[in-house]
Amino acid sequence: MSGSTEMRGNILTETGWISGALRFDQRILDISGEPAAPDGNRDDYILPGFIDLHVHGGGGRDIMDGGDAVDVIARLHAQHGTTSLLATTMTAPPEDLEHALRGIGRVCDARTTGAARVLGVHLEGPYINPGKLGAQPDFAQTASLEAVQKLGLLAPLRLLTIAPEMPGNLALVRALSAAGMRVQIGHTLGTYEDGVAALEHGATGFTHLFNAMSAFHHREPGMAGAALAHAHYAEIIPDLLHVHPGAIRAALRAIPGLYCVTDSTAATGMPDGAYMLGRQQVHKCMGGVRLADGTLAGSTLTMDAALRNLVGIGLELAEASRRVSTHAADFLGLTERGRLARGSHADLVVLDRELNLKAVYVEGERIALAD
């Protein structure tokens, strides 16, 4: 990219709103202007690009397809404002995981033009509880540090979902955390005490809070109770199908770094019909994605819709922006993404006053939006 670009509007910085100008090439070069509440004018909003740490698919393709599937998926999500993401795998046999990770590893080395930056892999299983699969296929496995290390040679593993109550998994949580990986608790029948133990062993978050985990009860708080009582970070799916708005608001009060994910599938951006989620067929209908038995199986959510949903249930736009961007960046330790500041990657979105996307930039490249 040659030269630099300048745009004006209501800019959400780390210290609040500025009415002014933002200049960038691949990185943000300068932000100038005066602090001002955005309700004082009709200018566009300029926000940090969205960060999605739980993406299974989009545009008719599934991460487990391997090959060029991740390119299609990263392009689809970029068109909806996601500027960086974690390619998320399904619980599957080792050969399937290796096939998927070879495709992911290729795009982690060099970003595909017109696509979101793929930061690495969210390995959702196979070290989960077979009694709480949710929409995961029945390929749960016993924990093995050696197996994780082997997969890590194919693509960078940034985040793993693990059920801590399964034999050997607490030790794995400690080993992975010591190696610098983020570990989330999920697909679990564990107790409140199991959750606390996992956090003490180095786990730092919870996968799709409330979904596929033991529920909260006032005498048996379960894994959801451990999250509400102790978590600093957790992911949540704000499609308003997976979690009731009241439960989202309860989690927002309890968990400072609660951040949003889509848990999106191949059906995202596609018409109603049948699609694949790993080795399982899922059906998109009535705004959701389900297995044949009716179990929710990921979503068709995009991050621009997630932002609008958060504002729709009562969050201020600045707070909603942090939940779809900054907190996820902080969770992964990404200091140069998820915020508009001099020197940060030029990952940004421009929204009109109705919160519709007008422009998306990934590392300074303007993305062509879907019609």
Protein backbone atom coordinates (compact mmCIF):
# COMPACT_ATOMS: atom_id res chain seq x y z
CA MET A 1 0.00 0.00 0.00
CA SER A 2 1.48 3.33 -1.02
CA GLY A 3 0.83 6.67 0.67
CA SER A 4 -1.63 7.12 3.49
CA THR A 5 -5.37 7.49 3.94
CA GLU A 6 -7.22 10.02 6.07
CA MET A 7 -10.82 9.87 7.24
CA ARG A 8 -12.91 12.04 9.49
CA GLY A 9 -15.69 11.20 11.89
CA ASN A 10 -16.47 10.19 15.46
CA ILE A 11 -13.36 8.19 16.39
CA LEU A 12 -13.46 5.82 19.36
CA THR A 13 -10.00 5.98 20.97
CA GLU A 14 -8.73 4.27 24.11
CA THR A 15 -9.59 7.38 26.11
CA GLY A 16 -13.00 8.03 24.57
CA TRP A 17 -14.65 9.69 21.59
CA ILE A 18 -12.85 12.25 19.43
CA SER A 19 -14.39 14.28 16.65
CA GLY A 20 -11.60 14.62 14.16
CA ALA A 21 -9.33 12.83 11.70
CA LEU A 22 -7.51 9.49 11.60
CA ARG A 23 -4.57 8.97 9.22
CA PHE A 24 -3.14 5.53 8.45
CA ASP A 25 -1.26 3.26 6.08
CA GLN A 26 -0.74 -0.33 7.29
CA ARG A 27 -0.70 1.17 10.79
CA ILE A 28 -2.36 4.16 12.40
CA LEU A 29 -0.12 7.18 11.89
CA ASP A 30 -2.02 9.88 13.69
CA ILE A 31 -5.33 10.71 15.39
CA SER A 32 -6.24 14.36 15.82
CA GLY A 33 -9.31 16.25 16.97
CA GLU A 34 -11.22 17.27 20.04
CA PRO A 35 -13.01 15.12 22.63
CA ALA A 36 -16.68 15.18 21.78
CA ALA A 37 -19.74 13.01 22.36
CA PRO A 38 -20.89 11.50 19.06
CA ASP A 39 -24.50 12.45 19.65
CA GLY A 40 -23.57 16.07 18.92
CA ASN A 41 -23.30 15.51 15.15
CA ARG A 42 -24.33 13.16 12.36
CA ASP A 43 -20.84 12.02 11.36
CA ASP A 44 -19.95 8.36 10.88
CA TYR A 45 -18.53 6.23 13.67
CA ILE A 46 -14.96 4.95 13.31
CA LEU A 47 -14.31 1.94 15.58
CA PRO A 48 -11.61 -0.70 16.02
CA GLY A 49 -12.06 -3.66 13.70
CA PHE A 50 -13.88 -6.62 15.22
CA ILE A 51 -11.97 -9.60 16.62
CA ASP A 52 -13.66 -13.02 16.61
CA LEU A 53 -11.95 -15.83 18.51
CA HIS A 54 -14.47 -18.55 17.60
CA VAL A 55 -15.07 -19.01 13.86
CA HIS A 56 -15.98 -22.41 12.38
CA GLY A 57 -17.03 -21.29 8.94
CA GLY A 58 -18.81 -18.99 6.54
CA GLY A 59 -19.65 -18.59 2.89
CA GLY A 60 -20.56 -22.26 2.56
CA ARG A 61 -17.18 -23.51 3.81
CA ASP A 62 -16.09 -25.14 7.07
CA ILE A 63 -12.67 -24.82 8.70
CA MET A 64 -12.46 -28.63 8.82
CA ASP A 65 -12.60 -28.70 5.00
CA GLY A 66 -8.92 -27.72 4.96
CA GLY A 67 -7.31 -26.41 1.79
CA ASP A 68 -8.58 -23.01 0.72
CA ALA A 69 -11.65 -23.07 2.98
CA VAL A 70 -10.05 -20.70 5.47
CA ASP A 71 -9.51 -18.12 2.69
CA VAL A 72 -13.22 -18.12 1.83
CA ILE A 73 -14.17 -17.91 5.50
CA ALA A 74 -11.75 -15.09 6.31
CA ARG A 75 -12.98 -13.07 3.33
CA LEU A 76 -16.65 -13.52 4.28
CA HIS A 77 -16.06 -12.34 7.83
CA ALA A 78 -13.93 -9.39 6.74
CA GLN A 79 -16.92 -8.19 4.71
CA HIS A 80 -18.79 -7.97 8.02
CA GLY A 81 -16.12 -6.03 9.89
CA THR A 82 -14.04 -8.82 11.40
CA THR A 83 -10.42 -7.81 10.92
CA SER A 84 -8.80 -10.71 12.77
CA LEU A 85 -10.00 -14.12 13.91
CA LEU A 86 -9.12 -17.55 15.23
CA ALA A 87 -9.95 -20.44 12.91
CA THR A 88 -11.83 -22.86 15.13
CA THR A 89 -11.75 -26.62 14.73
CA MET A 90 -14.24 -29.31 15.73
CA THR A 91 -13.66 -32.35 17.90
CA ALA A 92 -12.46 -34.85 15.31
CA PRO A 93 -10.06 -37.74 14.66
CA PRO A 94 -6.36 -36.75 14.53
CA GLU A 95 -6.15 -37.05 10.75
CA ASP A 96 -9.04 -34.60 10.30
CA LEU A 97 -7.48 -32.08 12.65
CA GLU A 98 -4.13 -32.34 10.89
CA HIS A 99 -5.78 -31.78 7.51
CA ALA A 100 -7.56 -28.66 8.76
CA LEU A 101 -4.49 -27.24 10.48
CA ARG A 102 -2.35 -27.52 7.36
CA GLY A 103 -4.74 -25.18 5.58
CA ILE A 104 -4.85 -22.79 8.53
CA GLY A 105 -1.07 -22.73 8.94
CA ARG A 106 -0.61 -21.50 5.38
CA VAL A 107 -2.71 -18.34 5.90
CA CYS A 108 -1.23 -17.63 9.33
CA ASP A 109 2.12 -17.13 7.61
CA ALA A 110 0.72 -14.62 5.09
CA ARG A 111 -2.68 -12.89 5.18
CA THR A 112 -4.89 -13.51 2.18
CA THR A 113 -5.73 -10.36 0.22
CA GLY A 114 -9.24 -9.13 0.96
CA ALA A 115 -9.50 -11.25 4.10
CA ALA A 116 -9.31 -10.96 7.86
CA ARG A 117 -6.00 -11.74 9.54
CA VAL A 118 -6.03 -15.35 10.79
CA LEU A 119 -4.21 -15.14 14.11
CA GLY A 120 -4.05 -18.88 14.65
CA VAL A 121 -6.19 -21.76 15.84
CA HIS A 122 -8.85 -22.17 18.48
CA LEU A 123 -8.76 -25.92 19.13
CA GLU A 124 -12.27 -26.59 20.44
CA GLY A 125 -11.70 -30.09 21.69
CA PRO A 126 -11.00 -32.95 21.38
CA TYR A 127 -10.25 -32.80 25.12
CA ILE A 128 -13.86 -32.29 26.15
CA ASN A 129 -16.46 -34.25 28.08
CA PRO A 130 -18.27 -36.77 25.81
CA GLY A 131 -21.35 -36.20 27.97
CA LYS A 132 -21.49 -32.52 26.98
CA LEU A 133 -20.70 -32.54 23.27
CA GLY A 134 -23.32 -29.97 22.29
CA ALA A 135 -22.98 -29.97 18.49
CA GLN A 136 -19.49 -31.49 18.58
CA PRO A 137 -19.07 -34.93 16.95
CA ASP A 138 -18.43 -37.85 19.28
CA PHE A 139 -14.63 -37.95 18.93
CA ALA A 140 -13.63 -36.75 22.40
CA GLN A 141 -10.17 -37.98 23.37
CA THR A 142 -8.01 -38.38 26.44
CA ALA A 143 -5.68 -35.47 27.05
CA SER A 144 -2.20 -35.69 25.56
CA LEU A 145 0.42 -32.95 25.62
CA GLU A 146 2.34 -34.78 22.90
CA ALA A 147 -0.69 -34.72 20.59
CA VAL A 148 -1.18 -30.99 21.16
CA GLN A 149 2.49 -30.32 20.45
CA LYS A 150 2.27 -32.31 17.22
CA LEU A 151 -0.70 -30.24 16.05
CA GLY A 152 1.15 -27.07 17.02
CA LEU A 153 3.78 -27.84 14.40
CA LEU A 154 1.14 -27.41 11.67
CA ALA A 155 -0.40 -24.09 12.78
CA PRO A 156 -0.09 -21.78 15.79
CA LEU A 157 -2.42 -22.93 18.56
CA ARG A 158 -3.54 -19.78 20.35
CA LEU A 159 -6.52 -21.09 22.32
CA LEU A 160 -7.74 -24.49 23.47
CA THR A 161 -11.11 -25.48 24.93
CA ILE A 162 -10.82 -28.21 27.57
CA ALA A 163 -13.16 -29.94 30.06
CA PRO A 164 -11.11 -29.84 33.27
CA GLU A 165 -12.93 -32.69 35.01
CA MET A 166 -11.73 -35.31 32.53
CA PRO A 167 -8.75 -37.50 33.59
CA GLY A 168 -5.42 -35.81 32.93
CA ASN A 169 -6.89 -32.52 31.79
CA LEU A 170 -5.94 -30.40 34.80
CA ALA A 171 -2.29 -31.30 34.28
CA LEU A 172 -2.69 -30.45 30.58
CA VAL A 173 -4.17 -27.06 31.48
CA ARG A 174 -1.11 -26.28 33.58
CA ALA A 175 1.34 -27.45 30.90
CA LEU A 176 -0.36 -25.54 28.09
CA SER A 177 -0.65 -22.37 30.16
CA ALA A 178 3.03 -22.60 31.04
CA ALA A 179 3.79 -22.85 27.31
CA GLY A 180 1.98 -19.55 26.66
CA MET A 181 -1.29 -20.87 25.25
CA ARG A 182 -4.67 -19.61 26.40
CA VAL A 183 -6.95 -22.30 27.82
CA GLN A 184 -10.71 -21.97 28.10
CA ILE A 185 -13.11 -24.19 30.01
CA GLY A 186 -15.94 -25.59 27.90
CA HIS A 187 -18.03 -28.56 26.78
CA THR A 188 -17.96 -29.63 30.40
CA LEU A 189 -20.06 -31.31 33.05
CA GLY A 190 -17.62 -30.14 35.70
CA THR A 191 -18.66 -28.73 39.03
CA TYR A 192 -18.07 -25.24 40.39
CA GLU A 193 -15.07 -26.69 42.23
CA ASP A 194 -13.68 -28.14 38.98
CA GLY A 195 -13.90 -24.70 37.42
CA VAL A 196 -12.08 -23.04 40.29
CA ALA A 197 -9.37 -25.71 40.14
CA ALA A 198 -8.92 -25.16 36.41
CA LEU A 199 -8.50 -21.43 36.91
CA GLU A 200 -5.94 -22.12 39.62
CA HIS A 201 -4.07 -24.36 37.15
CA GLY A 202 -3.87 -21.57 34.59
CA ALA A 203 -7.13 -21.55 32.60
CA THR A 204 -8.06 -17.99 31.73
CA GLY A 205 -11.52 -18.10 30.18
CA PHE A 206 -14.75 -19.94 29.39
CA THR A 207 -15.99 -21.06 25.98
CA HIS A 208 -19.43 -19.80 24.85
CA LEU A 209 -20.56 -19.00 28.39
CA PHE A 210 -23.72 -20.84 29.51
CA ASN A 211 -23.74 -23.12 26.45
CA ALA A 212 -22.44 -26.70 26.73
CA MET A 213 -21.56 -26.40 30.41
CA SER A 214 -23.10 -27.35 33.73
CA ALA A 215 -25.71 -24.72 34.58
CA PHE A 216 -26.00 -22.40 37.55
CA HIS A 217 -28.17 -23.45 40.49
CA HIS A 218 -28.10 -21.71 43.84
CA ARG A 219 -27.05 -24.91 45.65
CA GLU A 220 -24.94 -26.32 42.80
CA PRO A 221 -23.38 -23.33 41.01
CA GLY A 222 -21.87 -25.49 38.29
CA MET A 223 -19.36 -24.30 35.72
CA ALA A 224 -21.51 -21.30 34.85
CA GLY A 225 -21.38 -20.29 38.50
CA ALA A 226 -17.58 -20.61 38.56
CA ALA A 227 -17.41 -18.27 35.57
CA LEU A 228 -19.75 -15.69 37.08
CA ALA A 229 -17.93 -15.79 40.41
CA HIS A 230 -14.31 -15.88 39.29
CA ALA A 231 -13.73 -15.23 35.59
CA HIS A 232 -12.04 -12.13 34.26
CA TYR A 233 -12.59 -13.28 30.66
CA ALA A 234 -15.22 -15.41 28.93
CA GLU A 235 -16.71 -15.57 25.46
CA ILE A 236 -20.43 -15.33 24.78
CA ILE A 237 -22.56 -15.70 21.63
CA PRO A 238 -24.89 -12.66 21.34
CA ASP A 239 -27.12 -13.92 18.53
CA LEU A 240 -30.03 -13.77 21.03
CA LEU A 241 -30.71 -17.47 20.38
CA HIS A 242 -27.88 -19.07 22.33
CA VAL A 243 -28.26 -16.81 25.38
CA HIS A 244 -31.20 -14.76 26.62
CA PRO A 245 -30.53 -10.99 26.74
CA GLY A 246 -31.07 -11.06 30.51
CA ALA A 247 -28.35 -13.69 30.91
CA ILE A 248 -26.03 -11.63 28.72
CA ARG A 249 -26.60 -8.62 30.95
CA ALA A 250 -25.96 -10.72 34.08
CA ALA A 251 -22.66 -11.88 32.59
CA LEU A 252 -21.73 -8.31 31.67
CA ARG A 253 -22.12 -7.28 35.31
CA ALA A 254 -20.08 -10.23 36.59
CA ILE A 255 -17.23 -10.68 34.09
CA PRO A 256 -15.12 -7.58 33.33
CA GLY A 257 -13.56 -8.91 30.14
CA LEU A 258 -16.61 -10.65 28.67
CA TYR A 259 -16.15 -10.65 24.90
CA CYS A 260 -18.35 -11.68 22.01
CA VAL A 261 -17.82 -14.44 19.45
CA THR A 262 -19.95 -15.63 16.57
CA ASP A 263 -19.39 -19.42 16.73
CA SER A 264 -20.25 -19.03 13.05
CA THR A 265 -20.65 -21.97 10.70
CA ALA A 266 -20.53 -22.63 6.96
CA ALA A 267 -24.16 -21.44 6.81
CA THR A 268 -23.11 -17.86 7.66
CA GLY A 269 -23.84 -15.58 4.74
CA MET A 270 -25.71 -18.35 2.92
CA PRO A 271 -29.39 -19.15 2.23
CA ASP A 272 -31.38 -21.65 4.29
CA GLY A 273 -30.41 -25.26 3.67
CA ALA A 274 -28.06 -28.06 4.68
CA TYR A 275 -24.37 -27.47 5.44
CA MET A 276 -21.50 -29.36 7.07
CA LEU A 277 -20.07 -28.69 10.51
CA GLY A 278 -17.07 -30.97 10.72
CA ARG A 279 -18.41 -34.46 9.96
CA GLN A 280 -22.00 -33.53 10.85
CA GLN A 281 -24.74 -32.09 8.68
CA VAL A 282 -26.49 -29.04 10.08
CA HIS A 283 -29.52 -27.12 8.86
CA LYS A 284 -29.94 -23.35 8.61
CA CYS A 285 -33.52 -22.29 9.21
CA MET A 286 -35.46 -19.69 11.22
CA GLY A 287 -32.33 -17.61 11.75
CA GLY A 288 -30.31 -20.38 13.39
CA VAL A 289 -28.29 -23.52 12.72
CA ARG A 290 -29.32 -26.84 14.24
CA LEU A 291 -28.62 -30.55 14.18
CA ALA A 292 -31.43 -32.85 13.04
CA ASP A 293 -32.54 -33.28 16.68
CA GLY A 294 -32.90 -29.51 17.14
CA THR A 295 -29.66 -28.91 19.06
CA LEU A 296 -28.15 -25.50 18.33
CA ALA A 297 -25.06 -26.08 16.21
CA GLY A 298 -23.12 -22.86 16.02
CA SER A 299 -24.65 -19.79 14.46
CA THR A 300 -24.98 -17.59 11.39
CA LEU A 301 -23.97 -14.52 13.39
CA THR A 302 -21.53 -11.93 12.06
CA MET A 303 -19.72 -9.45 14.28
CA ASP A 304 -21.45 -6.38 12.85
CA ALA A 305 -24.76 -7.97 13.82
CA ALA A 306 -23.31 -8.82 17.24
CA LEU A 307 -22.49 -5.15 17.80
CA ARG A 308 -26.01 -4.10 16.82
CA ASN A 309 -27.49 -6.76 19.13
CA LEU A 310 -25.48 -5.47 22.08
CA VAL A 311 -26.63 -1.90 21.44
CA GLY A 312 -30.15 -3.25 21.01
CA ILE A 313 -30.18 -4.74 24.51
CA GLY A 314 -29.02 -1.45 26.02
CA LEU A 315 -25.24 -1.12 25.81
CA GLU A 316 -23.65 2.18 24.86
CA LEU A 317 -21.82 1.94 21.53
CA ALA A 318 -18.39 2.44 23.11
CA GLU A 319 -19.03 -0.42 25.55
CA ALA A 320 -20.37 -2.67 22.79
CA SER A 321 -17.25 -1.94 20.73
CA ARG A 322 -15.00 -3.09 23.54
CA ARG A 323 -16.98 -6.34 23.79
CA VAL A 324 -16.51 -7.16 20.08
CA SER A 325 -12.91 -6.04 19.82
CA THR A 326 -10.74 -4.76 22.66
CA HIS A 327 -11.44 -7.39 25.30
CA ALA A 328 -10.73 -10.25 22.88
CA ALA A 329 -7.44 -8.58 21.94
CA ASP A 330 -6.54 -8.19 25.60
CA PHE A 331 -7.41 -11.81 26.29
CA LEU A 332 -4.89 -12.94 23.66
CA GLY A 333 -2.33 -10.33 24.72
CA LEU A 334 -2.59 -8.39 21.43
CA THR A 335 -1.51 -4.85 22.27
CA GLU A 336 -1.58 -3.57 18.66
CA ARG A 337 -5.08 -4.73 17.71
CA GLY A 338 -8.54 -4.03 19.08
CA ARG A 339 -7.88 -0.32 19.65
CA LEU A 340 -7.42 2.85 17.65
CA ALA A 341 -4.09 4.29 18.73
CA ARG A 342 -0.96 5.56 17.03
CA GLY A 343 1.20 2.59 15.98
CA SER A 344 -1.61 0.02 16.14
CA HIS A 345 -2.53 -2.02 13.07
CA ALA A 346 -4.92 -0.10 10.84
CA ASP A 347 -7.79 -2.48 11.56
CA LEU A 348 -10.94 -0.39 11.62
CA VAL A 349 -14.58 -0.20 10.66
CA VAL A 350 -16.71 2.76 9.62
CA LEU A 351 -20.41 2.68 10.54
CA ASP A 352 -23.27 4.98 9.70
CA ARG A 353 -25.63 6.30 12.37
CA GLU A 354 -27.78 3.16 12.11
CA LEU A 355 -24.66 1.04 12.75
CA ASN A 356 -24.51 -0.33 9.23
CA LEU A 357 -21.05 -0.98 7.81
CA LYS A 358 -19.77 1.58 5.33
CA ALA A 359 -16.09 0.55 5.18
CA VAL A 360 -13.68 -2.03 6.60
CA TYR A 361 -9.89 -1.85 6.62
CA VAL A 362 -7.62 -4.77 7.52
CA GLU A 363 -4.03 -3.67 8.15
CA GLY A 364 -4.73 -0.66 5.94
CA GLU A 365 -6.31 -2.62 3.05
CA ARG A 366 -9.85 -1.56 2.20
CA ILE A 367 -12.12 -4.59 1.99
CA ALA A 368 -14.80 -4.84 -0.68
CA LEU A 369 -18.10 -5.26 1.16
CA ALA A 370 -20.75 -7.76 0.13
CA ASP A 371 -23.64 -6.44 -1.95
